[in-house]
Amino acid sequence: MREKVEAVLAQIRPALQADGGDVELVDVNEGLVKLRLTGACAGCPVATMTLRHGIERVLKEQIPEVEEVVAV
């Protein structure tokens, strides 16, 4: 499943990088995806919204096994 998550993040990454940020995959374990937002995204006040309503939504749509996405 890690490879699937990496592939989806590769699709999302350009949008984050356009705003000066990025996302790093830390771990995948039984439906739980742990991500680290970096660059401008790390200190952004709407980072939680980006994670939940953006990244998590896309991951769940494309990979049904994903149950939750958390920032670490």
Protein backbone atom coordinates (compact mmCIF):
# COMPACT_ATOMS: atom_id res chain seq x y z
CA MET A 1 0.00 0.00 0.00
CA ARG A 2 2.96 2.32 0.58
CA GLU A 3 3.62 2.46 -3.17
CA LYS A 4 0.00 3.40 -3.87
CA VAL A 5 0.15 6.22 -1.32
CA GLU A 6 3.43 7.50 -2.78
CA ALA A 7 1.85 7.52 -6.27
CA VAL A 8 -1.13 9.58 -5.08
CA LEU A 9 1.13 11.98 -3.16
CA ALA A 10 3.15 12.47 -6.35
CA GLN A 11 -0.07 13.75 -7.97
CA ILE A 12 -0.81 16.12 -5.06
CA ARG A 13 2.76 17.32 -4.51
CA PRO A 14 2.93 19.90 -7.37
CA ALA A 15 0.03 21.89 -5.87
CA LEU A 16 1.73 21.98 -2.48
CA GLN A 17 5.09 22.89 -4.00
CA ALA A 18 3.48 25.75 -5.93
CA ASP A 19 2.67 27.31 -2.54
CA GLY A 20 6.17 26.66 -1.15
CA GLY A 21 5.35 23.49 0.75
CA ASP A 22 5.60 19.74 0.38
CA VAL A 23 4.45 16.49 1.95
CA GLU A 24 6.55 13.57 3.14
CA LEU A 25 5.25 10.05 3.74
CA VAL A 26 6.41 8.89 7.18
CA ASP A 27 4.58 5.58 7.59
CA VAL A 28 1.67 3.45 6.40
CA ASN A 29 0.24 0.92 8.81
CA GLU A 30 -3.09 -0.91 8.40
CA GLY A 31 -5.09 1.96 6.91
CA LEU A 32 -3.33 4.70 8.88
CA VAL A 33 -1.17 7.05 6.80
CA LYS A 34 1.29 9.29 8.63
CA LEU A 35 2.46 12.37 6.77
CA ARG A 36 4.75 15.29 7.51
CA LEU A 37 3.97 18.64 5.94
CA THR A 38 7.16 20.59 5.19
CA GLY A 39 8.19 24.00 3.91
CA ALA A 40 5.48 26.63 3.95
CA CYS A 41 2.89 23.95 4.75
CA ALA A 42 4.57 23.13 8.07
CA GLY A 43 3.67 26.47 9.65
CA CYS A 44 0.58 27.29 7.67
CA PRO A 45 -2.55 28.04 9.72
CA VAL A 46 -4.70 26.03 7.29
CA ALA A 47 -2.39 22.99 7.23
CA THR A 48 -4.99 20.89 9.07
CA MET A 49 -7.59 21.72 6.43
CA THR A 50 -5.10 20.90 3.68
CA LEU A 51 -4.41 17.56 5.32
CA ARG A 52 -8.03 16.58 6.08
CA HIS A 53 -10.02 18.11 3.25
CA GLY A 54 -7.38 17.83 0.57
CA ILE A 55 -4.81 15.10 0.99
CA GLU A 56 -6.92 12.68 3.08
CA ARG A 57 -9.92 13.04 0.77
CA VAL A 58 -7.87 12.28 -2.36
CA LEU A 59 -6.08 9.34 -0.71
CA LYS A 60 -9.38 7.80 0.45
CA GLU A 61 -10.96 8.27 -2.99
CA GLN A 62 -8.09 6.59 -4.80
CA ILE A 63 -7.09 4.01 -2.17
CA PRO A 64 -10.14 2.56 -0.35
CA GLU A 65 -7.88 0.84 2.23
CA VAL A 66 -6.88 4.24 3.66
CA GLU A 67 -8.90 4.85 6.82
CA GLU A 68 -7.19 7.88 8.34
CA VAL A 69 -4.43 10.38 7.58
CA VAL A 70 -2.55 12.08 10.42
CA ALA A 71 0.21 14.64 10.59
CA VAL A 72 3.32 13.77 12.57
